[in-house]
């Protein structure tokens, strides 16, 4: 029975990990779109903010992909 609990926990973690990956990937797509807009790419402060956010998202995604691979085994 303990293995069932563990399996459910893993599936739950996997689902959460996948959801978070989806959120971050969607956001990064949005950031790419924003950075193509003139009012954004001509505004260096806004560009820096978005670039920083995207870099943070990508770092988190890297960790999430690793976690996902472990859980999906």
N, C-alpha and C. Protein backbone atom coordinates (compact mmCIF):
# COMPACT_ATOMS: atom_id res chain seq x y z
N UNK A 1 0.83 -1.21 0.00
CA UNK A 1 0.00 0.00 0.00
C UNK A 1 0.87 1.26 0.00
N UNK A 2 2.00 1.16 0.68
CA UNK A 2 2.90 2.32 0.73
C UNK A 2 3.36 2.70 -0.67
N UNK A 3 3.58 1.69 -1.51
CA UNK A 3 4.03 1.98 -2.87
C UNK A 3 2.93 2.69 -3.67
N UNK A 4 1.66 2.39 -3.36
CA UNK A 4 0.55 3.08 -4.02
C UNK A 4 0.54 4.56 -3.66
N UNK A 5 0.74 4.82 -2.39
CA UNK A 5 0.77 6.21 -1.90
C UNK A 5 1.91 6.95 -2.60
N UNK A 6 3.06 6.29 -2.66
CA UNK A 6 4.24 6.87 -3.29
C UNK A 6 3.97 7.15 -4.78
N UNK A 7 3.30 6.20 -5.42
CA UNK A 7 2.99 6.33 -6.84
C UNK A 7 2.05 7.50 -7.08
N UNK A 8 1.03 7.60 -6.21
CA UNK A 8 0.08 8.72 -6.33
C UNK A 8 0.79 10.05 -6.12
N UNK A 9 1.67 10.09 -5.13
CA UNK A 9 2.43 11.31 -4.83
C UNK A 9 3.27 11.71 -6.05
N UNK A 10 3.92 10.71 -6.65
CA UNK A 10 4.73 10.96 -7.84
C UNK A 10 3.89 11.51 -8.98
N UNK A 11 2.73 10.90 -9.21
CA UNK A 11 1.85 11.35 -10.28
C UNK A 11 1.38 12.77 -10.03
N UNK A 12 1.10 13.06 -8.77
CA UNK A 12 0.68 14.39 -8.37
C UNK A 12 1.80 15.40 -8.62
N UNK A 13 3.02 15.05 -8.21
CA UNK A 13 4.18 15.91 -8.43
C UNK A 13 4.42 16.12 -9.92
N UNK A 14 4.25 15.04 -10.68
CA UNK A 14 4.46 15.10 -12.12
C UNK A 14 3.48 16.07 -12.75
N UNK A 15 2.22 15.96 -12.33
CA UNK A 15 1.17 16.83 -12.86
C UNK A 15 1.47 18.29 -12.52
N UNK A 16 1.87 18.54 -11.28
CA UNK A 16 2.19 19.91 -10.86
C UNK A 16 3.38 20.45 -11.64
N UNK A 17 4.37 19.59 -11.84
CA UNK A 17 5.56 19.98 -12.58
C UNK A 17 5.20 20.33 -14.01
N UNK A 18 4.36 19.50 -14.63
CA UNK A 18 3.92 19.76 -16.01
C UNK A 18 3.13 21.06 -16.11
N UNK A 19 2.28 21.30 -15.11
CA UNK A 19 1.48 22.53 -15.12
C UNK A 19 2.38 23.76 -15.02
N UNK A 20 3.36 23.69 -14.14
CA UNK A 20 4.29 24.81 -13.95
C UNK A 20 5.11 25.05 -15.22
N UNK A 21 5.54 23.97 -15.85
CA UNK A 21 6.28 24.08 -17.12
C UNK A 21 5.41 24.80 -18.15
N UNK A 22 4.15 24.40 -18.21
CA UNK A 22 3.21 25.03 -19.15
C UNK A 22 3.06 26.52 -18.91
N UNK A 23 2.93 26.88 -17.64
CA UNK A 23 2.78 28.30 -17.26
C UNK A 23 4.01 29.10 -17.70
N UNK A 24 5.18 28.58 -17.40
CA UNK A 24 6.42 29.30 -17.72
C UNK A 24 6.66 29.38 -19.22
N UNK A 25 6.37 28.29 -19.94
CA UNK A 25 6.56 28.31 -21.39
C UNK A 25 5.60 29.30 -22.05
N UNK A 26 4.37 29.35 -21.55
CA UNK A 26 3.38 30.29 -22.07
C UNK A 26 3.85 31.73 -21.81
N UNK A 27 4.33 31.96 -20.61
CA UNK A 27 4.81 33.30 -20.24
C UNK A 27 6.00 33.70 -21.10
N UNK A 28 6.93 32.79 -21.34
CA UNK A 28 8.09 33.11 -22.18
C UNK A 28 7.66 33.43 -23.61
N UNK A 29 6.65 32.74 -24.10
CA UNK A 29 6.11 33.04 -25.42
C UNK A 29 5.55 34.45 -25.47
N UNK A 30 4.85 34.80 -24.40
CA UNK A 30 4.26 36.13 -24.24
C UNK A 30 5.37 37.20 -24.20
N UNK A 31 6.43 36.90 -23.45
CA UNK A 31 7.56 37.84 -23.35
C UNK A 31 8.17 38.07 -24.74
N UNK A 32 8.34 36.97 -25.50
CA UNK A 32 8.88 37.10 -26.87
C UNK A 32 7.99 38.01 -27.72
N UNK A 33 6.68 37.83 -27.59
CA UNK A 33 5.74 38.68 -28.34
C UNK A 33 5.87 40.14 -27.92
N UNK A 34 5.93 40.35 -26.59
CA UNK A 34 6.05 41.72 -26.08
C UNK A 34 7.31 42.40 -26.59
N UNK A 35 8.40 41.65 -26.63
CA UNK A 35 9.68 42.23 -27.02
C UNK A 35 9.73 42.57 -28.51
N UNK A 36 8.75 42.11 -29.26
CA UNK A 36 8.68 42.46 -30.68
C UNK A 36 7.85 43.73 -30.89
N UNK A 37 7.20 44.21 -29.83
CA UNK A 37 6.39 45.42 -29.94
C UNK A 37 7.27 46.65 -29.80
N UNK A 38 7.03 47.61 -30.68
CA UNK A 38 7.88 48.79 -30.71
C UNK A 38 7.94 49.51 -29.38
N UNK A 39 6.77 49.66 -28.72
CA UNK A 39 6.77 50.42 -27.46
C UNK A 39 7.56 49.69 -26.37
N UNK A 40 7.78 48.40 -26.57
CA UNK A 40 8.58 47.65 -25.61
C UNK A 40 10.05 47.65 -26.00
N UNK A 41 10.36 47.28 -27.26
CA UNK A 41 11.78 47.18 -27.59
C UNK A 41 12.49 48.53 -27.69
N UNK A 42 11.73 49.61 -27.74
CA UNK A 42 12.37 50.94 -27.70
C UNK A 42 12.50 51.44 -26.25
N UNK A 43 11.98 50.66 -25.32
CA UNK A 43 12.05 51.04 -23.90
C UNK A 43 13.03 50.10 -23.20
N UNK A 44 14.24 50.61 -22.96
CA UNK A 44 15.30 49.73 -22.46
C UNK A 44 15.01 49.17 -21.07
N UNK A 45 14.35 49.96 -20.23
CA UNK A 45 14.01 49.48 -18.88
C UNK A 45 13.06 48.29 -18.97
N UNK A 46 12.02 48.46 -19.78
CA UNK A 46 11.04 47.39 -19.96
C UNK A 46 11.71 46.15 -20.55
N UNK A 47 12.58 46.36 -21.53
CA UNK A 47 13.31 45.26 -22.15
C UNK A 47 14.15 44.50 -21.14
N UNK A 48 14.84 45.24 -20.30
CA UNK A 48 15.68 44.61 -19.28
C UNK A 48 14.84 43.80 -18.30
N UNK A 49 13.72 44.37 -17.88
CA UNK A 49 12.82 43.66 -16.96
C UNK A 49 12.35 42.35 -17.56
N UNK A 50 11.92 42.42 -18.82
CA UNK A 50 11.41 41.22 -19.50
C UNK A 50 12.52 40.19 -19.72
N UNK A 51 13.70 40.67 -20.10
CA UNK A 51 14.82 39.76 -20.32
C UNK A 51 15.21 39.06 -19.03
N UNK A 52 15.17 39.81 -17.94
CA UNK A 52 15.49 39.26 -16.62
C UNK A 52 14.46 38.21 -16.21
N UNK A 53 13.20 38.54 -16.42
CA UNK A 53 12.14 37.59 -16.09
C UNK A 53 12.27 36.32 -16.93
N UNK A 54 12.56 36.50 -18.22
CA UNK A 54 12.69 35.33 -19.09
C UNK A 54 13.87 34.45 -18.67
N UNK A 55 14.97 35.08 -18.32
CA UNK A 55 16.14 34.32 -17.87
C UNK A 55 15.82 33.53 -16.60
N UNK A 56 15.10 34.16 -15.68
CA UNK A 56 14.70 33.47 -14.45
C UNK A 56 13.76 32.30 -14.77
N UNK A 57 12.84 32.53 -15.69
CA UNK A 57 11.92 31.47 -16.09
C UNK A 57 12.67 30.30 -16.71
N UNK A 58 13.66 30.61 -17.54
CA UNK A 58 14.42 29.56 -18.21
C UNK A 58 15.24 28.75 -17.21
N UNK A 59 15.78 29.43 -16.21
CA UNK A 59 16.52 28.73 -15.16
C UNK A 59 15.60 27.78 -14.41
N UNK A 60 14.40 28.26 -14.09
CA UNK A 60 13.43 27.43 -13.39
C UNK A 60 12.97 26.27 -14.27
N UNK A 61 12.78 26.53 -15.55
CA UNK A 61 12.37 25.48 -16.49
C UNK A 61 13.40 24.37 -16.56
N UNK A 62 14.67 24.74 -16.56
CA UNK A 62 15.72 23.74 -16.60
C UNK A 62 15.60 22.76 -15.43
N UNK A 63 15.38 23.33 -14.23
CA UNK A 63 15.20 22.50 -13.04
C UNK A 63 13.95 21.64 -13.15
N UNK A 64 12.87 22.25 -13.67
CA UNK A 64 11.62 21.53 -13.81
C UNK A 64 11.73 20.37 -14.80
N UNK A 65 12.46 20.58 -15.90
CA UNK A 65 12.64 19.49 -16.87
C UNK A 65 13.38 18.32 -16.23
N UNK A 66 14.40 18.64 -15.45
CA UNK A 66 15.15 17.58 -14.75
C UNK A 66 14.24 16.83 -13.79
N UNK A 67 13.48 17.58 -13.02
CA UNK A 67 12.56 16.98 -12.06
C UNK A 67 11.53 16.12 -12.79
N UNK A 68 11.03 16.64 -13.93
CA UNK A 68 10.05 15.92 -14.70
C UNK A 68 10.60 14.59 -15.19
N UNK A 69 11.84 14.61 -15.68
CA UNK A 69 12.48 13.37 -16.16
C UNK A 69 12.58 12.34 -15.04
N UNK A 70 12.98 12.79 -13.85
CA UNK A 70 13.07 11.88 -12.70
C UNK A 70 11.70 11.27 -12.38
N UNK A 71 10.68 12.12 -12.35
CA UNK A 71 9.35 11.67 -11.98
C UNK A 71 8.71 10.79 -13.05
N UNK A 72 9.04 11.04 -14.30
CA UNK A 72 8.41 10.33 -15.41
C UNK A 72 8.99 8.94 -15.63
N UNK A 73 10.13 8.66 -14.98
CA UNK A 73 10.79 7.35 -15.15
C UNK A 73 9.88 6.19 -14.82
